[in-house]
Structure formats: C-alpha cells, structure tokens
Amino acid sequence: MIDKDIVNGKLNPIVAASRALSEEFGINLDNEELSSIKIVSCIFNCDYHEWNLVGYVDLRRFGKKYISSVIFDYNSTAKAHDSWEVNELMFLDFEPKVIAGYLLSHENEVVNYSKVTAIFTLLSAYENRTEVAKAFDADIDLTISDS
C-alpha cells in the first residue's frame, strides 16, 4: 500500500487492490467494477517481515472484457507497467482441486504463504468448506462444519 491508497484519511484496501491490478496486470476497473474485489484477510509474513492483503477479484460477470487472452495481452504490453514482476502468467480454473493441485505440486517454487492465501480465498469464495479441505488433504477429518 502507498499514500495514494489513503481515502478520506483512511487506508482503503480496495483502492490499493485496484491500483495493484492496474500496475501488475493492466486491468483498470471502472467504479462500478470495484465491487468485484473481495479482501478476505490480512496476514503477516515472518520470513519477509511484510503484511499482505489476501483477496480475490471475480471478473466473470463482465464477460469477455477480462478473459485470459485479454489479460495476457495486457501483461505482455506496456498496459501493465509492472508486469516485469510477474515471470509468467498461468490461468487456472478457480476450483479447490485445481488450485490445491497446482500449489501442492509446485510447493518449492511458490512463496511460503501461498497455501494459506489460497485456502483463505477459497473458503471465502466457496460455501462448502469440506470441498476446500478435501482438495488440500485427502485424509482430513471431514466433520468440518460448513457454517
């Protein structure tokens, strides 16, 4: 977060997330699209001594405006002026088994808090906690409440 993310004297995580989408991916959300940003948690990474917002952006309701080919184009052109920070874009279906499978098979390549952020995000986006739990551990106790 930076000074520009302060609105009316308060830090606004939605403004920060919108700015990050613009800088990293070239996605410039309109005011009516900002509701697609969901902040689900804030975590502290002890290894890097940094705070991180955890959230997701659900752009499906905007149709073809934000499909993967458009975002890939933004990232490979000057629209995303910080795209150099992202080595390679990968587009995965946002489903617990797909996300868990990717993270578990690439654990040595992803940042140390990837599983935590994925679980927080999936739990926020999916009503069925058991589905999220099963995706990350087939031996987990399935008595987890879905409430």
N, C-alpha and C. Protein backbone atom coordinates (compact mmCIF):
# COMPACT_ATOMS: atom_id res chain seq x y z
N MET A 1 0.84 -1.18 0.00
CA MET A 1 0.00 0.00 0.00
C MET A 1 0.89 1.24 0.00
N ILE A 2 0.39 2.29 -0.62
CA ILE A 2 1.13 3.54 -0.69
C ILE A 2 0.20 4.70 -0.30
N ASP A 3 0.74 5.90 -0.26
CA ASP A 3 -0.05 7.08 0.13
C ASP A 3 -1.30 7.26 -0.72
N LYS A 4 -1.24 6.91 -2.00
CA LYS A 4 -2.39 7.07 -2.89
C LYS A 4 -3.58 6.20 -2.47
N ASP A 5 -3.31 5.22 -1.63
CA ASP A 5 -4.36 4.30 -1.19
C ASP A 5 -5.13 4.84 0.02
N ILE A 6 -4.79 6.04 0.46
CA ILE A 6 -5.49 6.66 1.58
C ILE A 6 -6.61 7.53 1.02
N VAL A 7 -7.83 7.23 1.47
CA VAL A 7 -9.01 7.96 1.03
C VAL A 7 -9.70 8.52 2.27
N ASN A 8 -9.92 9.83 2.28
CA ASN A 8 -10.54 10.49 3.44
C ASN A 8 -9.82 10.17 4.74
N GLY A 9 -8.49 10.14 4.69
CA GLY A 9 -7.69 9.91 5.87
C GLY A 9 -7.59 8.46 6.33
N LYS A 10 -8.16 7.54 5.57
CA LYS A 10 -8.11 6.12 5.95
C LYS A 10 -7.55 5.29 4.81
N LEU A 11 -6.79 4.28 5.20
CA LEU A 11 -6.25 3.35 4.22
C LEU A 11 -7.40 2.55 3.61
N ASN A 12 -7.48 2.53 2.29
CA ASN A 12 -8.57 1.85 1.61
C ASN A 12 -8.00 0.66 0.83
N PRO A 13 -8.20 -0.58 1.33
CA PRO A 13 -7.62 -1.74 0.66
C PRO A 13 -8.19 -1.99 -0.74
N ILE A 14 -9.41 -1.55 -1.00
CA ILE A 14 -10.00 -1.73 -2.33
C ILE A 14 -9.27 -0.84 -3.34
N VAL A 15 -8.96 0.37 -2.94
CA VAL A 15 -8.19 1.27 -3.80
C VAL A 15 -6.80 0.68 -4.05
N ALA A 16 -6.19 0.12 -3.00
CA ALA A 16 -4.87 -0.50 -3.16
C ALA A 16 -4.93 -1.69 -4.11
N ALA A 17 -5.93 -2.52 -3.96
CA ALA A 17 -6.07 -3.69 -4.83
C ALA A 17 -6.32 -3.27 -6.27
N SER A 18 -7.14 -2.26 -6.46
CA SER A 18 -7.43 -1.76 -7.81
C SER A 18 -6.16 -1.21 -8.45
N ARG A 19 -5.39 -0.47 -7.70
CA ARG A 19 -4.13 0.07 -8.21
C ARG A 19 -3.17 -1.06 -8.57
N ALA A 20 -3.10 -2.09 -7.72
CA ALA A 20 -2.21 -3.22 -7.98
C ALA A 20 -2.64 -3.96 -9.25
N LEU A 21 -3.94 -4.13 -9.45
CA LEU A 21 -4.42 -4.77 -10.68
C LEU A 21 -3.98 -3.99 -11.92
N SER A 22 -4.03 -2.68 -11.81
CA SER A 22 -3.60 -1.83 -12.92
C SER A 22 -2.10 -1.96 -13.18
N GLU A 23 -1.32 -1.86 -12.11
CA GLU A 23 0.13 -1.89 -12.24
C GLU A 23 0.65 -3.25 -12.69
N GLU A 24 0.13 -4.32 -12.10
CA GLU A 24 0.67 -5.66 -12.36
C GLU A 24 0.09 -6.32 -13.61
N PHE A 25 -1.19 -6.03 -13.90
CA PHE A 25 -1.86 -6.75 -14.98
C PHE A 25 -2.46 -5.85 -16.05
N GLY A 26 -2.44 -4.53 -15.87
CA GLY A 26 -3.02 -3.62 -16.85
C GLY A 26 -4.53 -3.56 -16.80
N ILE A 27 -5.13 -4.10 -15.75
CA ILE A 27 -6.59 -4.11 -15.60
C ILE A 27 -7.00 -2.85 -14.85
N ASN A 28 -7.76 -2.00 -15.52
CA ASN A 28 -8.24 -0.76 -14.91
C ASN A 28 -9.74 -0.87 -14.69
N LEU A 29 -10.12 -1.17 -13.46
CA LEU A 29 -11.53 -1.35 -13.14
C LEU A 29 -12.26 -0.02 -13.09
N ASP A 30 -13.47 -0.01 -13.64
CA ASP A 30 -14.35 1.14 -13.51
C ASP A 30 -14.92 1.15 -12.10
N ASN A 31 -15.46 2.29 -11.67
CA ASN A 31 -16.01 2.38 -10.31
C ASN A 31 -17.06 1.31 -10.03
N GLU A 32 -17.91 1.01 -11.01
CA GLU A 32 -18.94 0.01 -10.78
C GLU A 32 -18.37 -1.42 -10.76
N GLU A 33 -17.12 -1.59 -11.18
CA GLU A 33 -16.48 -2.91 -11.17
C GLU A 33 -15.70 -3.17 -9.89
N LEU A 34 -15.50 -2.14 -9.07
CA LEU A 34 -14.71 -2.30 -7.85
C LEU A 34 -15.32 -3.30 -6.87
N SER A 35 -16.63 -3.51 -6.96
CA SER A 35 -17.27 -4.48 -6.07
C SER A 35 -16.83 -5.91 -6.36
N SER A 36 -16.14 -6.14 -7.46
CA SER A 36 -15.63 -7.47 -7.79
C SER A 36 -14.41 -7.83 -6.94
N ILE A 37 -13.83 -6.85 -6.24
CA ILE A 37 -12.67 -7.08 -5.38
C ILE A 37 -13.16 -7.49 -4.00
N LYS A 38 -12.66 -8.60 -3.51
CA LYS A 38 -13.01 -9.10 -2.17
C LYS A 38 -11.72 -9.27 -1.37
N ILE A 39 -11.59 -8.53 -0.28
CA ILE A 39 -10.46 -8.69 0.64
C ILE A 39 -10.92 -9.65 1.72
N VAL A 40 -10.21 -10.74 1.92
CA VAL A 40 -10.66 -11.76 2.87
C VAL A 40 -9.80 -11.85 4.13
N SER A 41 -8.58 -11.32 4.08
CA SER A 41 -7.71 -11.44 5.23
C SER A 41 -6.51 -10.52 5.08
N CYS A 42 -5.83 -10.33 6.17
CA CYS A 42 -4.54 -9.63 6.18
C CYS A 42 -3.61 -10.52 6.99
N ILE A 43 -2.47 -10.86 6.42
CA ILE A 43 -1.54 -11.76 7.11
C ILE A 43 -0.16 -11.10 7.21
N PHE A 44 0.61 -11.53 8.20
CA PHE A 44 1.98 -11.08 8.35
C PHE A 44 2.91 -12.23 8.02
N ASN A 45 3.84 -12.00 7.11
CA ASN A 45 4.82 -13.00 6.71
C ASN A 45 6.09 -12.76 7.51
N CYS A 46 6.36 -13.65 8.46
CA CYS A 46 7.52 -13.50 9.33
C CYS A 46 8.84 -13.60 8.56
N ASP A 47 8.89 -14.43 7.52
CA ASP A 47 10.12 -14.60 6.76
C ASP A 47 10.54 -13.33 6.03
N TYR A 48 9.56 -12.59 5.53
CA TYR A 48 9.86 -11.37 4.76
C TYR A 48 9.53 -10.09 5.53
N HIS A 49 9.01 -10.23 6.73
CA HIS A 49 8.63 -9.08 7.57
C HIS A 49 7.74 -8.10 6.80
N GLU A 50 6.65 -8.65 6.25
CA GLU A 50 5.74 -7.84 5.46
C GLU A 50 4.30 -8.24 5.73
N TRP A 51 3.43 -7.27 5.62
CA TRP A 51 2.00 -7.51 5.70
C TRP A 51 1.47 -7.73 4.30
N ASN A 52 0.51 -8.60 4.16
CA ASN A 52 -0.08 -8.89 2.86
C ASN A 52 -1.60 -8.95 2.99
N LEU A 53 -2.26 -8.31 2.07
CA LEU A 53 -3.70 -8.46 1.96
C LEU A 53 -3.98 -9.72 1.15
N VAL A 54 -4.95 -10.47 1.57
CA VAL A 54 -5.36 -11.68 0.85
C VAL A 54 -6.75 -11.41 0.30
N GLY A 55 -6.91 -11.65 -0.97
CA GLY A 55 -8.22 -11.43 -1.57
C GLY A 55 -8.27 -11.98 -2.97
N TYR A 56 -9.35 -11.72 -3.62
CA TYR A 56 -9.52 -12.16 -4.99
C TYR A 56 -10.40 -11.18 -5.74
N VAL A 57 -10.36 -11.28 -7.04
CA VAL A 57 -11.16 -10.43 -7.92
C VAL A 57 -11.95 -11.36 -8.83
N ASP A 58 -13.26 -11.28 -8.75
CA ASP A 58 -14.11 -12.12 -9.59
C ASP A 58 -14.65 -11.27 -10.73
N LEU A 59 -14.06 -11.44 -11.90
CA LEU A 59 -14.40 -10.62 -13.07
C LEU A 59 -15.31 -11.35 -14.06
N ARG A 60 -15.83 -12.50 -13.67
CA ARG A 60 -16.64 -13.29 -14.60
C ARG A 60 -17.89 -12.56 -15.08
N ARG A 61 -18.48 -11.75 -14.25
CA ARG A 61 -19.74 -11.10 -14.66
C ARG A 61 -19.55 -10.04 -15.74
N PHE A 62 -18.31 -9.71 -16.06
CA PHE A 62 -18.04 -8.69 -17.07
C PHE A 62 -17.77 -9.30 -18.45
N GLY A 63 -18.06 -10.58 -18.58
CA GLY A 63 -17.97 -11.24 -19.88
C GLY A 63 -16.58 -11.26 -20.45
N LYS A 64 -16.46 -10.98 -21.73
CA LYS A 64 -15.19 -11.10 -22.44
C LYS A 64 -14.23 -9.93 -22.19
N LYS A 65 -14.67 -8.96 -21.42
CA LYS A 65 -13.82 -7.80 -21.16
C LYS A 65 -12.52 -8.20 -20.45
N TYR A 66 -12.58 -9.21 -19.60
CA TYR A 66 -11.41 -9.61 -18.81
C TYR A 66 -11.08 -11.09 -18.96
N ILE A 67 -11.22 -11.66 -20.13
CA ILE A 67 -10.86 -13.07 -20.32
C ILE A 67 -9.34 -13.21 -20.34
N SER A 68 -8.87 -14.44 -20.21
CA SER A 68 -7.44 -14.68 -20.07
C SER A 68 -6.62 -14.13 -21.24
N SER A 69 -7.11 -14.20 -22.45
CA SER A 69 -6.33 -13.69 -23.59
C SER A 69 -6.15 -12.17 -23.51
N VAL A 70 -7.15 -11.46 -23.01
CA VAL A 70 -7.05 -10.01 -22.84
C VAL A 70 -6.03 -9.69 -21.76
N ILE A 71 -6.10 -10.39 -20.64
CA ILE A 71 -5.17 -10.15 -19.54
C ILE A 71 -3.74 -10.51 -19.96
N PHE A 72 -3.58 -11.59 -20.71
CA PHE A 72 -2.26 -11.97 -21.22
C PHE A 72 -1.71 -10.86 -22.12
N ASP A 73 -2.57 -10.30 -22.98
CA ASP A 73 -2.16 -9.20 -23.86
C ASP A 73 -1.74 -7.98 -23.04
N TYR A 74 -2.52 -7.63 -22.02
CA TYR A 74 -2.16 -6.50 -21.16
C TYR A 74 -0.79 -6.73 -20.53
N ASN A 75 -0.57 -7.96 -20.05
CA ASN A 75 0.67 -8.27 -19.35
C ASN A 75 1.88 -8.24 -20.27
N SER A 76 1.69 -8.57 -21.53
CA SER A 76 2.81 -8.62 -22.46
C SER A 76 3.05 -7.30 -23.19
N THR A 77 2.23 -6.30 -22.90
CA THR A 77 2.40 -4.97 -23.49
C THR A 77 2.65 -3.96 -22.39
N ALA A 78 2.72 -2.71 -22.76
CA ALA A 78 3.00 -1.65 -21.80
C ALA A 78 1.81 -1.31 -20.91
N LYS A 79 0.64 -1.91 -21.13
CA LYS A 79 -0.52 -1.61 -20.28
C LYS A 79 -0.25 -1.97 -18.83
N ALA A 80 0.50 -3.03 -18.60
CA ALA A 80 0.85 -3.45 -17.24
C ALA A 80 2.30 -3.04 -16.99
N HIS A 81 2.48 -1.83 -16.46
CA HIS A 81 3.85 -1.30 -16.39
C HIS A 81 4.73 -2.00 -15.35
N ASP A 82 4.16 -2.79 -14.44
CA ASP A 82 4.96 -3.57 -13.51
C ASP A 82 4.95 -5.05 -13.86
N SER A 83 4.60 -5.38 -15.10
CA SER A 83 4.49 -6.79 -15.48
C SER A 83 5.83 -7.52 -15.39
N TRP A 84 6.91 -6.81 -15.33
CA TRP A 84 8.22 -7.44 -15.19
C TRP A 84 8.32 -8.19 -13.87
N GLU A 85 7.47 -7.84 -12.88
CA GLU A 85 7.49 -8.52 -11.59
C GLU A 85 6.87 -9.91 -11.67
N VAL A 86 6.11 -10.18 -12.71
CA VAL A 86 5.45 -11.47 -12.89
C VAL A 86 6.18 -12.19 -14.01
N ASN A 87 6.87 -13.29 -13.66
CA ASN A 87 7.66 -14.00 -14.67
C ASN A 87 6.80 -14.64 -15.74
N GLU A 88 5.70 -15.24 -15.33
CA GLU A 88 4.87 -15.97 -16.27
C GLU A 88 3.44 -16.00 -15.74
N LEU A 89 2.49 -15.69 -16.60
CA LEU A 89 1.08 -15.79 -16.20
C LEU A 89 0.59 -17.20 -16.46
N MET A 90 -0.14 -17.72 -15.50
CA MET A 90 -0.80 -19.01 -15.67
C MET A 90 -2.27 -18.80 -15.34
N PHE A 91 -3.13 -19.38 -16.10
CA PHE A 91 -4.56 -19.26 -15.86
C PHE A 91 -5.09 -20.62 -15.46
N LEU A 92 -5.58 -20.70 -14.22
CA LEU A 92 -6.12 -21.94 -13.67
C LEU A 92 -7.60 -21.73 -13.37
N ASP A 93 -8.37 -22.80 -13.49
CA ASP A 93 -9.76 -22.73 -13.06
C ASP A 93 -9.78 -22.51 -11.55
N PHE A 94 -10.63 -21.60 -11.10
CA PHE A 94 -10.68 -21.28 -9.68
C PHE A 94 -11.59 -22.29 -8.98
N GLU A 95 -11.07 -23.49 -8.84
CA GLU A 95 -11.76 -24.59 -8.19
C GLU A 95 -10.81 -25.17 -7.16
N PRO A 96 -11.31 -25.57 -6.00
CA PRO A 96 -10.42 -26.06 -4.94
C PRO A 96 -9.42 -27.13 -5.40
N LYS A 97 -9.87 -28.15 -6.12
CA LYS A 97 -8.96 -29.23 -6.54
C LYS A 97 -7.88 -28.73 -7.48
N VAL A 98 -8.23 -27.83 -8.38
CA VAL A 98 -7.26 -27.30 -9.35
C VAL A 98 -6.21 -26.45 -8.64
N ILE A 99 -6.67 -25.55 -7.80
CA ILE A 99 -5.74 -24.65 -7.08
C ILE A 99 -4.85 -25.46 -6.14
N ALA A 100 -5.44 -26.35 -5.36
CA ALA A 100 -4.66 -27.18 -4.44
C ALA A 100 -3.66 -28.04 -5.21
N GLY A 101 -4.10 -28.64 -6.29
CA GLY A 101 -3.21 -29.48 -7.09
C GLY A 101 -2.00 -28.72 -7.59
N TYR A 102 -2.24 -27.52 -8.08
CA TYR A 102 -1.12 -26.70 -8.58
C TYR A 102 -0.16 -26.35 -7.44
N LEU A 103 -0.71 -25.83 -6.33
CA LEU A 103 0.16 -25.41 -5.22
C LEU A 103 0.93 -26.58 -4.60
N LEU A 104 0.26 -27.70 -4.43
CA LEU A 104 0.92 -28.85 -3.83
C LEU A 104 2.00 -29.43 -4.75
N SER A 105 1.80 -29.34 -6.04
CA SER A 105 2.81 -29.87 -6.98
C SER A 105 3.93 -28.88 -7.25
N HIS A 106 3.77 -27.63 -6.81
CA HIS A 106 4.81 -26.61 -7.03
C HIS A 106 5.24 -25.97 -5.71
N GLU A 107 5.12 -26.67 -4.58
CA GLU A 107 5.38 -26.03 -3.30
C GLU A 107 6.78 -25.46 -3.17
N ASN A 108 7.75 -26.01 -3.83
CA ASN A 108 9.12 -25.49 -3.74
C ASN A 108 9.34 -24.26 -4.61
N GLU A 109 8.36 -23.91 -5.43
CA GLU A 109 8.52 -22.80 -6.37
C GLU A 109 7.67 -21.58 -5.99
N VAL A 110 6.74 -21.73 -5.09
CA VAL A 110 5.83 -20.64 -4.75
C VAL A 110 6.21 -20.04 -3.41
N VAL A 111 5.76 -18.82 -3.17
CA VAL A 111 6.06 -18.12 -1.93
C VAL A 111 5.49 -18.91 -0.74
N ASN A 112 6.12 -18.78 0.41
CA ASN A 112 5.81 -19.63 1.56
C ASN A 112 4.37 -19.52 2.07
N TYR A 113 3.68 -18.47 1.77
CA TYR A 113 2.31 -18.32 2.28
C TYR A 113 1.25 -18.59 1.20
N SER A 114 1.65 -19.19 0.10
CA SER A 114 0.71 -19.46 -1.00
C SER A 114 -0.47 -20.33 -0.59
N LYS A 115 -0.19 -21.42 0.14
CA LYS A 115 -1.28 -22.31 0.54
C LYS A 115 -2.24 -21.60 1.49
N VAL A 116 -1.70 -20.80 2.41
CA VAL A 116 -2.55 -20.07 3.35
C VAL A 116 -3.46 -19.11 2.61
N THR A 117 -2.90 -18.34 1.68
CA THR A 117 -3.72 -17.38 0.95
C THR A 117 -4.75 -18.08 0.07
N ALA A 118 -4.36 -19.20 -0.54
CA ALA A 118 -5.31 -19.94 -1.37
C ALA A 118 -6.46 -20.48 -0.53
N ILE A 119 -6.15 -21.03 0.63
CA ILE A 119 -7.20 -21.57 1.49
C ILE A 119 -8.12 -20.47 1.98
N PHE A 120 -7.59 -19.34 2.44
CA PHE A 120 -8.44 -18.21 2.87
C PHE A 120 -9.36 -17.77 1.73
N THR A 121 -8.78 -17.64 0.56
CA THR A 121 -9.56 -17.17 -0.59
C THR A 121 -10.63 -18.17 -1.00
N LEU A 122 -10.26 -19.43 -1.08
CA LEU A 122 -11.24 -20.45 -1.46
C LEU A 122 -12.35 -20.57 -0.42
N LEU A 123 -12.00 -20.48 0.87
CA LEU A 123 -13.03 -20.54 1.91
C LEU A 123 -13.99 -19.36 1.81
N SER A 124 -13.49 -18.23 1.38
CA SER A 124 -14.35 -17.06 1.21
C SER A 124 -15.24 -17.19 -0.02
N ALA A 125 -14.71 -17.78 -1.07
CA ALA A 125 -15.45 -17.86 -2.33
C ALA A 125 -16.39 -19.06 -2.41
N TYR A 126 -16.07 -20.13 -1.68
CA TYR A 126 -16.88 -21.35 -1.72
C TYR A 126 -17.61 -21.53 -0.40
N GLU A 127 -18.86 -21.87 -0.48
CA GLU A 127 -19.63 -22.12 0.74
C GLU A 127 -19.28 -23.46 1.36
N ASN A 128 -18.83 -24.41 0.58
CA ASN A 128 -18.58 -25.76 1.05
C ASN A 128 -17.14 -25.89 1.54
N ARG A 129 -16.94 -25.77 2.85
CA ARG A 129 -15.59 -25.86 3.43
C ARG A 129 -15.00 -27.25 3.28
N THR A 130 -15.84 -28.26 3.29
CA THR A 130 -15.36 -29.63 3.14
C THR A 130 -14.69 -29.82 1.79
N GLU A 131 -15.26 -29.23 0.75
CA GLU A 131 -14.66 -29.33 -0.59
C GLU A 131 -13.27 -28.72 -0.61
N VAL A 132 -13.11 -27.58 0.05
CA VAL A 132 -11.80 -26.92 0.12
C VAL A 132 -10.83 -27.78 0.92
N ALA A 133 -11.27 -28.30 2.06
CA ALA A 133 -10.41 -29.13 2.91
C ALA A 133 -9.96 -30.39 2.17
N LYS A 134 -10.88 -31.06 1.50
CA LYS A 134 -10.55 -32.29 0.77
C LYS A 134 -9.54 -32.02 -0.35
N ALA A 135 -9.61 -30.86 -0.95
CA ALA A 135 -8.69 -30.54 -2.05
C ALA A 135 -7.25 -30.48 -1.59
N PHE A 136 -7.04 -30.03 -0.35
CA PHE A 136 -5.68 -29.88 0.15
C PHE A 136 -5.17 -31.10 0.92
N ASP A 137 -6.09 -31.93 1.41
CA ASP A 137 -5.65 -33.10 2.16
C ASP A 137 -6.73 -34.17 2.12
N ALA A 138 -6.48 -35.22 1.39
CA ALA A 138 -7.47 -36.29 1.23
C ALA A 138 -7.75 -37.01 2.55
N ASP A 139 -6.83 -36.94 3.51
CA ASP A 139 -7.01 -37.64 4.79
C ASP A 139 -7.61 -36.76 5.88
N ILE A 140 -8.05 -35.55 5.53
CA ILE A 140 -8.55 -34.62 6.55
C ILE A 140 -9.86 -35.11 7.15
N ASP A 141 -10.09 -34.75 8.38
CA ASP A 141 -11.33 -35.10 9.07
C ASP A 141 -12.48 -34.35 8.41
N LEU A 142 -13.41 -35.05 7.81
CA LEU A 142 -14.48 -34.42 7.05
C LEU A 142 -15.66 -33.99 7.91
N THR A 143 -15.46 -33.89 9.23
CA THR A 143 -16.53 -33.42 10.10
C THR A 143 -16.52 -31.91 10.21
N ILE A 144 -15.75 -31.22 9.39
CA ILE A 144 -15.70 -29.76 9.39
C ILE A 144 -17.08 -29.21 9.08
N SER A 145 -17.48 -28.24 9.85
CA SER A 145 -18.81 -27.64 9.65
C SER A 145 -18.79 -26.71 8.45
N ASP A 146 -19.86 -26.72 7.67
CA ASP A 146 -19.98 -25.81 6.54
C ASP A 146 -20.66 -24.51 6.93
N SER A 147 -20.77 -24.25 8.19
CA SER A 147 -21.43 -22.99 8.61
C SER A 147 -20.43 -21.91 8.87
